[in-house]
Protein backbone atom coordinates (compact mmCIF):
# COMPACT_ATOMS: atom_id res chain seq x y z
CA MET A 1 0.00 0.00 0.00
CA THR A 2 1.41 3.37 -0.94
CA ARG A 3 1.47 6.24 1.50
CA PRO A 4 -0.72 9.19 0.47
CA TYR A 5 1.06 12.43 -0.38
CA PHE A 6 0.18 15.56 1.55
CA PRO A 7 1.62 18.86 0.23
CA GLN A 8 2.97 21.52 2.59
CA THR A 9 0.33 22.73 4.96
CA THR A 10 -0.97 26.28 5.15
CA PRO A 11 -1.36 28.28 8.38
CA SER A 12 -5.16 28.00 8.13
CA GLN A 13 -4.90 24.18 7.82
CA ARG A 14 -2.70 23.99 10.90
CA ARG A 15 -5.07 26.28 12.83
CA LEU A 16 -8.04 24.09 11.83
CA LEU A 17 -6.05 20.98 12.79
CA PHE A 18 -5.40 22.15 16.33
CA GLU A 19 -8.85 23.74 16.81
CA THR A 20 -10.46 20.40 15.90
CA TRP A 21 -8.03 18.49 18.10
CA GLU A 22 -8.73 20.76 21.09
CA ALA A 23 -12.51 20.43 20.58
CA SER A 24 -12.66 16.66 20.04
CA GLY A 25 -9.44 15.28 21.48
CA ASP A 26 -9.31 12.82 18.54
CA ILE A 27 -6.10 13.11 16.49
CA GLY A 28 -7.41 11.03 13.56
CA ALA A 29 -10.57 13.13 13.20
CA ALA A 30 -8.57 16.36 13.41
CA CYS A 31 -6.17 15.16 10.69
CA ARG A 32 -9.04 14.10 8.41
CA THR A 33 -10.83 17.43 8.90
CA ALA A 34 -7.69 19.47 8.10
CA HIS A 35 -6.58 17.06 5.31
CA VAL A 36 -3.15 16.44 6.81
CA GLY A 37 -1.27 13.34 7.90
CA GLU A 38 -0.70 12.30 11.49
CA ARG A 39 3.02 12.91 11.08
CA THR A 40 2.18 16.54 10.38
CA PHE A 41 0.20 16.70 13.60
CA TYR A 42 3.08 15.32 15.65
CA TYR A 43 5.55 17.58 13.83
CA TRP A 44 3.63 20.74 14.80
CA LYS A 45 2.34 19.63 18.23
CA PRO A 46 5.43 20.66 20.28
CA ARG A 47 5.33 24.15 18.74
CA PHE A 48 1.58 24.41 19.41
CA VAL A 49 2.00 23.32 23.02
CA ALA A 50 4.85 25.80 23.55
CA ASP A 51 3.53 28.87 21.68
CA GLY A 52 -0.14 28.23 20.95
CA TYR A 53 -1.62 29.25 17.61
CA ALA A 54 1.18 31.78 17.01
CA GLY A 55 3.68 28.89 17.01
CA VAL A 56 2.03 27.17 14.03
CA GLU A 57 1.80 30.26 11.81
CA HIS A 58 5.27 30.02 10.24
CA PHE A 59 7.72 27.28 9.34
CA ALA A 60 11.05 27.17 11.14
CA SER A 61 13.99 28.70 9.32
CA ARG A 62 15.90 26.21 7.17
CA ALA A 63 19.06 28.29 7.19
CA PRO A 64 21.98 26.69 9.01
CA HIS A 65 22.20 28.30 12.44
CA HIS A 66 25.76 27.23 13.22
CA PRO A 67 27.59 26.57 9.95
CA PRO A 68 30.99 24.94 10.41
CA ARG A 69 33.85 27.40 10.30
CA CYS A 70 37.57 26.98 10.68
CA ALA A 71 39.59 29.04 13.15
CA PRO A 72 40.84 32.48 11.99
CA GLY A 73 44.40 31.49 12.93
CA LEU A 74 44.13 28.49 10.62
CA LYS A 75 42.94 30.70 7.77
CA GLN A 76 45.94 32.96 8.27
CA ARG A 77 48.25 29.91 8.34
CA VAL A 78 46.82 28.69 5.01
CA VAL A 79 47.38 32.11 3.40
CA THR A 80 50.91 32.34 4.83
CA LEU A 81 51.79 28.84 3.65
CA TYR A 82 50.41 29.66 0.20
CA HIS A 83 52.57 32.80 0.00
CA GLU A 84 55.65 30.81 1.01
CA HIS A 85 54.96 28.05 -1.55
CA ASP A 86 52.74 29.40 -4.32
CA ALA A 87 53.39 26.42 -6.58
CA TRP A 88 51.66 24.05 -4.14
CA GLY A 89 48.10 23.02 -4.83
CA LYS A 90 45.26 22.60 -2.37
CA GLN A 91 46.07 18.93 -1.66
CA ARG A 92 49.73 19.66 -0.91
CA LEU A 93 48.77 22.57 1.37
CA ALA A 94 46.31 20.32 3.24
CA ASP A 95 48.98 17.61 3.58
CA GLU A 96 51.57 20.08 4.91
CA LEU A 97 49.11 21.42 7.50
CA ALA A 98 48.32 17.85 8.55
CA LYS A 99 52.05 17.08 8.80
CA GLU A 100 52.52 20.07 11.13
CA ASN A 101 49.67 18.71 13.27
CA GLY A 102 51.07 15.19 13.68
CA TRP A 103 49.32 13.94 10.52
CA VAL A 104 45.89 14.78 11.89
CA PRO A 105 43.97 16.57 9.10
CA LEU A 106 42.91 20.10 10.03
CA VAL A 107 41.10 21.14 6.85
CA SER A 108 40.07 19.51 3.61
CA PRO A 109 41.61 20.54 0.28
CA ASN A 110 38.34 22.15 -0.81
CA THR A 111 38.25 24.23 2.38
CA ILE A 112 41.75 25.44 1.53
CA LYS A 113 40.50 26.35 -1.93
CA ARG A 114 37.59 28.31 -0.38
CA ILE A 115 39.94 30.13 2.01
CA LEU A 116 42.21 31.11 -0.86
CA GLN A 117 39.21 32.20 -2.96
CA ASP A 118 37.97 34.38 -0.08
CA ALA A 119 41.44 35.93 0.18
CA GLY A 120 41.50 36.55 -3.60
CA LEU A 121 44.48 34.24 -4.14
CA TRP A 122 42.87 31.32 -6.01
CA GLN A 123 42.91 31.93 -9.75
CA GLY A 124 41.78 28.50 -10.93
CA LEU A 125 45.18 28.07 -12.56
CA ARG A 126 45.74 24.65 -11.08
CA ALA A 127 42.86 23.22 -13.14
CA ALA A 128 44.67 24.25 -16.33
CA GLY A 129 47.98 22.66 -15.29
CA LYS A 130 46.91 19.08 -14.63
CA LYS A 131 49.50 16.38 -15.14
CA GLY A 132 49.55 14.91 -18.60
CA ALA A 133 48.10 18.00 -20.26
CA LEU A 134 49.29 18.65 -23.79
CA TRP A 135 50.26 22.24 -24.67
CA PRO A 136 51.42 22.34 -28.33
CA GLU A 137 51.66 26.14 -28.39
CA SER A 138 54.06 26.23 -25.45
CA HIS A 139 56.20 23.12 -26.28
CA GLY A 140 55.89 21.58 -22.86
CA ARG A 141 55.94 24.82 -20.87
CA ARG A 142 53.02 26.64 -19.30
CA THR A 143 53.10 30.28 -18.20
CA TRP A 144 51.15 30.70 -14.98
CA SER A 145 49.44 33.83 -13.68
CA ASP A 146 52.47 34.73 -11.53
CA GLY A 147 54.59 35.04 -14.70
CA GLN A 148 56.75 31.98 -14.02
CA CYS A 149 57.21 29.26 -16.63
CA ARG A 150 56.91 25.70 -15.37
CA SER A 151 57.26 22.41 -17.20
CA VAL A 152 54.18 20.37 -17.96
CA LEU A 153 54.22 16.61 -18.47
CA CYS A 154 54.06 15.83 -22.19
CA ALA A 155 53.81 12.71 -24.26
CA ASP A 156 57.44 12.45 -25.44
CA ASP A 157 60.94 13.22 -24.14
CA ALA A 158 61.72 15.83 -26.80
CA CYS A 159 58.76 17.88 -25.67
CA ARG A 160 59.75 17.67 -22.01
CA SER A 161 63.12 19.18 -22.79
CA GLY A 162 61.48 21.97 -24.79
CA ALA A 163 63.81 21.37 -27.74
CA ALA A 164 61.25 20.15 -30.28
CA ALA A 165 59.61 22.40 -32.84
CA GLY A 166 55.82 22.74 -32.87
CA GLY A 167 55.16 20.28 -35.72
CA GLU A 168 57.64 17.73 -34.43
CA TRP A 169 56.16 17.99 -30.97
CA LEU A 170 52.66 17.31 -32.27
CA VAL A 171 53.84 14.35 -34.35
CA GLY A 172 55.73 12.99 -31.34
CA ALA A 173 52.67 13.32 -29.09
CA VAL A 174 50.34 11.67 -31.60
CA GLY A 175 52.92 8.98 -32.23
CA ALA A 176 53.13 8.21 -28.53
CA LEU A 177 49.36 7.94 -28.32
CA LEU A 178 49.22 5.64 -31.35
CA THR A 179 52.00 3.49 -29.92
CA ALA A 180 50.01 3.07 -26.71
CA SER A 181 46.90 2.23 -28.78
CA ALA A 182 48.85 -0.32 -30.81
CA ARG A 183 49.93 -2.09 -27.64
CA ARG A 184 46.35 -2.22 -26.43
CA TRP A 185 44.43 -3.27 -29.55
CA GLY A 186 47.15 -4.76 -31.68
CA ARG A 187 48.85 -3.41 -34.77
CA ALA A 188 46.69 -5.42 -37.20
CA HIS A 189 43.49 -3.76 -35.94
CA LEU A 190 45.02 -0.28 -36.33
CA ALA A 191 46.26 -1.16 -39.84
CA ARG A 192 42.73 -2.19 -40.85
CA ALA A 193 41.39 1.10 -39.45
CA GLY A 194 43.87 3.04 -41.57
CA LEU A 195 45.94 4.35 -38.68
C-alpha cells in the first residue's frame, strides 16, 4: 500500500487541525478534517504546546544556524603557507598542514581552496595545469598567472626538454598515443582502421 502524499500545509490548515483536536481530542478526526497526515500533527504539536496558535503560523527557518567554520588562525596559516609556496596546490597545502599537526587533518583541500578564494588568491590556474596535459603552443611549458614558466608533463621526451619544434612535438605526441593504442588493440586492428 502506498502512502498518500500531503503537500505543505498552510497556516489556516494547521489552525483548523489544532482547533479540531482541542474540541474533540481525537487526532485522527482532526487530521481528516484538516486534510493532513498524522506525522504533520506530531511535527507541529510541540510548537503548538509551547507557543499556541502563534507557534504554528510560520515554518522554522531552514538556514543553518551554526555553519561549520575553521579558526581564523588556521585561515591565516593557510594564506601564509600559500605565499611561502605558491606552486603548491590545495592537496599539498592540506597535507603540509596535517604534517605540522602530527598527521591529523585540520582542513580539507576544498576548504583550503575556499579560504584562498575568499582571500583573492585562487585563480583556478591549477585546473589548467593538470598532469599529462598537452600544450602544443608552449612546447611543454606553461606560463602561470604569476609570470613563471613551469614544465608540464608531455607525451614524449623531446617535448619535455622543450627542444622540439611545434610540428615535431605534435607528431611525437600523436605517435606516442598511437603506440600506446597499438599495444592495447594490436597493430593489425590499427592497420585495418587506416591508422
